Amino acid sequence: MIPTKLTSQQLAECACGKDELLLVDYQAHKLHKDIIDDFMQLQNAARDAGFTLTIASSFRNFERQALIWNAKFNGHRPVLNKQQQPVDLASMTDIEKCHAIMLYSALPGTSRHHFGTDLDIFDQACVADNYQLQLEPHEYQDNGPFSALTKWLDSHLEKYGFYRPYQHDLGGVAPEPWHISHIAQSAILLQHMSLTVLANTINNSQLAGKAAILANLPQLYQRYVLNVSPAAV
């Protein structure tokens, strides 16, 4: 049972992906309990417009994000640049590796997917069942399979309480047209994510590059966490 009121410490743990107190099950995913109604309305409106708005990815806890991070940092998983080409991490310093990874993959403890308010979405109706979703810009732009959904969401997302935090290239996270966020609930959890909480969480982890991360945490936090596109409402 979800507590009726969480403490600041509990909310901080939720914000960093270390607790799941705010989450409920929805369509084989875990979502923040207070976004379900809004997301259902968004899905229903999309269906009426001819789309099958489907969740590709939702909540990820700290440990899952850490596995992704460590695999990329250690060269076991590709790291892409804005041209969707693999970059060579071998010649980079640890902090340069962090910047390269954080273009598309969040530092564990800072991922908005920890909130349960942020989703990667696509239109299941316009691709075959065996389609290998890549979550890359070409799928959502121009003649990509999800370009029509992108245009529809441009006009309807905020009506249902959502927006795209990575709508524009602001010099931090690269644009991600597939990533939507619940405006109100993500803002609440972001308020409970702090440098002190993050430093403690990361310090007690086994993250690759931890020393470089902690030494540069204020700059990384400002550039990749706070530096997002604002909601219009």
Protein backbone atom coordinates (compact mmCIF):
# COMPACT_ATOMS: atom_id res chain seq x y z
CA MET A 1 0.00 0.00 0.00
CA ILE A 2 1.31 3.46 -0.93
CA PRO A 3 1.61 5.74 2.12
CA THR A 4 -0.75 8.72 2.04
CA LYS A 5 2.09 11.13 2.77
CA LEU A 6 5.79 10.58 2.23
CA THR A 7 8.59 12.22 4.15
CA SER A 8 11.15 14.41 2.40
CA GLN A 9 13.68 11.61 2.77
CA GLN A 10 11.33 9.11 1.16
CA LEU A 11 10.61 11.51 -1.72
CA ALA A 12 14.35 12.02 -2.18
CA GLU A 13 14.83 8.25 -2.37
CA CYS A 14 12.05 8.04 -4.97
CA ALA A 15 13.58 10.89 -6.98
CA CYS A 16 16.93 9.08 -7.15
CA GLY A 17 15.46 5.74 -8.13
CA LYS A 18 16.19 4.10 -4.79
CA ASP A 19 12.56 3.53 -3.77
CA GLU A 20 9.32 2.65 -5.53
CA LEU A 21 6.78 3.95 -3.01
CA LEU A 22 4.98 6.16 -5.56
CA LEU A 23 4.66 3.53 -8.29
CA VAL A 24 1.76 1.40 -9.49
CA ASP A 25 1.53 -1.19 -12.27
CA TYR A 26 0.09 -0.03 -15.58
CA GLN A 27 0.20 -1.89 -18.90
CA ALA A 28 3.22 -4.01 -17.89
CA HIS A 29 5.07 -0.90 -16.69
CA LYS A 30 5.52 0.96 -13.42
CA LEU A 31 4.21 4.53 -13.38
CA HIS A 32 3.79 7.22 -10.76
CA LYS A 33 0.35 6.73 -9.23
CA ASP A 34 -0.68 10.35 -9.84
CA ILE A 35 -0.09 10.37 -13.61
CA ILE A 36 -2.27 7.37 -14.49
CA ASP A 37 -5.50 9.28 -15.15
CA ASP A 38 -3.77 11.90 -17.29
CA PHE A 39 -1.88 9.31 -19.29
CA MET A 40 -5.02 7.27 -19.90
CA GLN A 41 -6.73 10.40 -21.23
CA LEU A 42 -3.73 11.08 -23.49
CA GLN A 43 -3.81 7.50 -24.78
CA ASN A 44 -7.54 7.67 -25.42
CA ALA A 45 -7.25 10.95 -27.31
CA ALA A 46 -4.39 9.53 -29.37
CA ARG A 47 -6.48 6.45 -30.16
CA ASP A 48 -9.34 8.66 -31.33
CA ALA A 49 -6.85 10.41 -33.62
CA GLY A 50 -5.73 7.08 -35.12
CA PHE A 51 -2.64 6.31 -33.04
CA THR A 52 -1.82 3.47 -30.66
CA LEU A 53 0.23 5.37 -28.11
CA THR A 54 2.43 2.72 -26.49
CA ILE A 55 4.97 2.84 -23.69
CA ALA A 56 8.44 1.67 -24.68
CA SER A 57 10.12 2.51 -21.40
CA SER A 58 8.97 3.96 -18.10
CA PHE A 59 10.40 3.64 -14.59
CA ARG A 60 14.01 2.53 -14.21
CA ASN A 61 15.53 2.21 -10.77
CA PHE A 62 19.03 3.34 -9.82
CA GLU A 63 20.47 -0.15 -10.18
CA ARG A 64 19.15 -0.60 -13.71
CA GLN A 65 20.44 2.82 -14.75
CA ALA A 66 23.79 1.95 -13.19
CA LEU A 67 24.04 -1.21 -15.29
CA ILE A 68 23.46 0.86 -18.45
CA TRP A 69 25.97 3.50 -17.32
CA ASN A 70 28.71 1.04 -16.41
CA ALA A 71 28.29 -0.91 -19.64
CA LYS A 72 28.72 2.28 -21.67
CA PHE A 73 31.55 3.68 -19.56
CA ASN A 74 33.48 0.41 -19.81
CA GLY A 75 32.99 0.07 -23.56
CA HIS A 76 30.60 -2.87 -23.47
CA ARG A 77 27.70 -0.91 -24.96
CA PRO A 78 27.88 1.71 -27.74
CA VAL A 79 27.83 5.42 -26.97
CA LEU A 80 26.39 7.53 -29.79
CA ASN A 81 26.96 11.14 -30.81
CA LYS A 82 24.28 13.47 -32.19
CA GLN A 83 24.81 11.98 -35.66
CA GLN A 84 23.94 8.56 -34.18
CA GLN A 85 27.49 7.35 -34.78
CA PRO A 86 29.49 5.42 -32.15
CA VAL A 87 32.16 7.43 -30.37
CA ASP A 88 35.54 6.09 -29.27
CA LEU A 89 35.78 6.37 -25.49
CA ALA A 90 39.24 4.80 -25.31
CA SER A 91 41.07 8.08 -25.85
CA MET A 92 38.85 10.12 -23.50
CA THR A 93 39.38 11.15 -19.89
CA ASP A 94 36.82 9.94 -17.38
CA ILE A 95 34.95 13.25 -17.35
CA GLU A 96 34.91 13.33 -21.15
CA LYS A 97 33.35 9.88 -21.09
CA CYS A 98 30.68 11.18 -18.72
CA HIS A 99 29.77 14.01 -21.09
CA ALA A 100 29.65 11.63 -24.05
CA ILE A 101 27.37 9.18 -22.25
CA MET A 102 25.08 11.85 -20.79
CA LEU A 103 24.15 13.11 -24.23
CA TYR A 104 21.57 10.29 -24.30
CA SER A 105 21.91 8.30 -21.05
CA ALA A 106 21.36 9.91 -17.67
CA LEU A 107 23.76 9.66 -14.78
CA PRO A 108 22.25 7.15 -12.32
CA GLY A 109 20.45 9.05 -9.59
CA THR A 110 19.54 11.88 -11.98
CA SER A 111 17.43 10.05 -14.58
CA ARG A 112 13.90 11.39 -14.95
CA HIS A 113 12.90 7.77 -15.51
CA HIS A 114 13.51 7.29 -11.78
CA PHE A 115 10.43 9.44 -11.12
CA GLY A 116 7.88 7.17 -12.77
CA THR A 117 6.54 10.34 -14.41
CA ASP A 118 8.58 10.09 -17.60
CA LEU A 119 7.92 7.74 -20.49
CA ASP A 120 9.43 6.84 -23.84
CA ILE A 121 6.54 6.36 -26.26
CA PHE A 122 5.85 5.26 -29.85
CA ASP A 123 2.93 4.43 -32.15
CA GLN A 124 2.49 0.67 -32.20
CA ALA A 125 -0.15 0.88 -34.95
CA CYS A 126 2.20 2.03 -37.70
CA VAL A 127 4.90 -0.63 -37.37
CA ALA A 128 4.94 -4.40 -37.60
CA ASP A 129 4.84 -6.48 -34.44
CA ASN A 130 8.47 -7.51 -35.01
CA TYR A 131 9.68 -3.93 -35.54
CA GLN A 132 12.91 -3.28 -33.64
CA LEU A 133 12.33 0.03 -31.90
CA GLN A 134 15.51 2.10 -31.75
CA LEU A 135 14.36 5.33 -30.06
CA GLU A 136 16.41 7.42 -32.45
CA PRO A 137 15.49 10.80 -33.96
CA HIS A 138 15.01 9.50 -37.51
CA GLU A 139 12.04 7.41 -36.35
CA TYR A 140 10.18 10.49 -35.11
CA GLN A 141 11.10 13.04 -37.78
CA ASP A 142 10.43 13.67 -41.47
CA ASN A 143 9.29 10.37 -43.00
CA GLY A 144 9.97 8.26 -39.93
CA PRO A 145 7.26 5.83 -38.79
CA PHE A 146 6.35 8.00 -35.79
CA SER A 147 6.49 11.42 -37.45
CA ALA A 148 2.69 11.73 -37.54
CA LEU A 149 2.48 10.93 -33.83
CA THR A 150 5.17 13.52 -33.14
CA LYS A 151 3.18 16.23 -34.91
CA TRP A 152 -0.01 15.25 -33.09
CA LEU A 153 1.74 15.33 -29.73
CA ASP A 154 3.16 18.77 -30.51
CA SER A 155 -0.40 20.09 -30.34
CA HIS A 156 -1.88 17.87 -27.65
CA LEU A 157 0.69 16.84 -25.04
CA GLU A 158 0.28 19.76 -22.67
CA LYS A 159 -3.51 19.61 -22.85
CA TYR A 160 -3.21 16.35 -20.91
CA GLY A 161 -0.52 17.51 -18.49
CA PHE A 162 2.62 16.32 -20.29
CA TYR A 163 5.54 17.94 -22.11
CA ARG A 164 8.91 17.10 -23.64
CA PRO A 165 11.80 18.11 -21.38
CA TYR A 166 14.23 17.32 -24.20
CA GLN A 167 12.36 19.18 -26.90
CA HIS A 168 15.32 21.38 -27.90
CA ASP A 169 19.09 21.14 -28.00
CA LEU A 170 20.19 23.27 -25.05
CA GLY A 171 23.73 21.94 -24.87
CA GLY A 172 22.88 19.17 -22.42
CA VAL A 173 20.81 16.10 -23.24
CA ALA A 174 20.23 15.74 -26.98
CA PRO A 175 16.65 16.22 -28.25
CA GLU A 176 14.48 13.16 -27.58
CA PRO A 177 11.06 13.45 -29.26
CA TRP A 178 10.04 10.10 -27.77
CA HIS A 179 10.49 11.23 -24.15
CA ILE A 180 7.44 12.74 -22.44
CA SER A 181 7.11 13.90 -18.84
CA HIS A 182 4.20 14.66 -16.55
CA ILE A 183 4.52 18.37 -15.83
CA ALA A 184 3.21 18.58 -12.27
CA GLN A 185 4.50 15.35 -10.75
CA SER A 186 7.97 15.49 -12.30
CA ALA A 187 8.39 19.03 -10.93
CA ILE A 188 7.57 17.81 -7.41
CA LEU A 189 10.16 15.04 -7.52
CA LEU A 190 12.78 17.25 -9.11
CA GLN A 191 12.48 19.53 -6.08
CA HIS A 192 13.51 16.62 -3.88
CA MET A 193 16.58 15.77 -5.96
CA SER A 194 19.54 17.70 -4.57
CA LEU A 195 23.30 17.70 -4.99
CA THR A 196 23.71 16.44 -1.43
CA VAL A 197 21.33 13.52 -1.96
CA LEU A 198 22.95 12.68 -5.30
CA ALA A 199 26.48 12.87 -3.93
CA ASN A 200 25.59 10.49 -1.10
CA THR A 201 23.79 8.09 -3.44
CA ILE A 202 26.62 8.03 -5.97
CA ASN A 203 29.31 7.80 -3.30
CA ASN A 204 27.68 4.64 -1.98
CA SER A 205 27.46 3.05 -5.43
CA GLN A 206 29.77 1.13 -7.73
CA LEU A 207 29.47 3.53 -10.66
CA ALA A 208 32.29 3.53 -13.18
CA GLY A 209 34.05 6.89 -13.19
CA LYS A 210 32.72 7.72 -9.73
CA ALA A 211 35.66 9.94 -8.74
CA ALA A 212 35.27 12.11 -11.86
CA ILE A 213 31.50 12.25 -11.40
CA LEU A 214 31.72 13.44 -7.79
CA ALA A 215 34.43 15.97 -8.61
CA ASN A 216 32.28 17.50 -11.34
CA LEU A 217 28.78 16.84 -9.99
CA PRO A 218 27.59 20.48 -9.74
CA GLN A 219 28.47 21.14 -13.39
CA LEU A 220 26.97 17.86 -14.60
CA TYR A 221 23.81 18.52 -12.58
CA GLN A 222 23.36 21.99 -14.03
CA ARG A 223 24.06 20.99 -17.64
CA TYR A 224 22.16 17.71 -17.88
CA VAL A 225 19.51 17.75 -15.13
CA LEU A 226 18.31 21.34 -14.69
CA ASN A 227 18.99 22.43 -18.27
CA VAL A 228 15.78 21.19 -19.93
CA SER A 229 13.08 22.71 -22.11
CA PRO A 230 10.34 24.33 -20.02
CA ALA A 231 6.68 23.40 -20.17
CA ALA A 232 4.49 26.09 -21.68
CA VAL A 233 2.00 25.95 -18.79
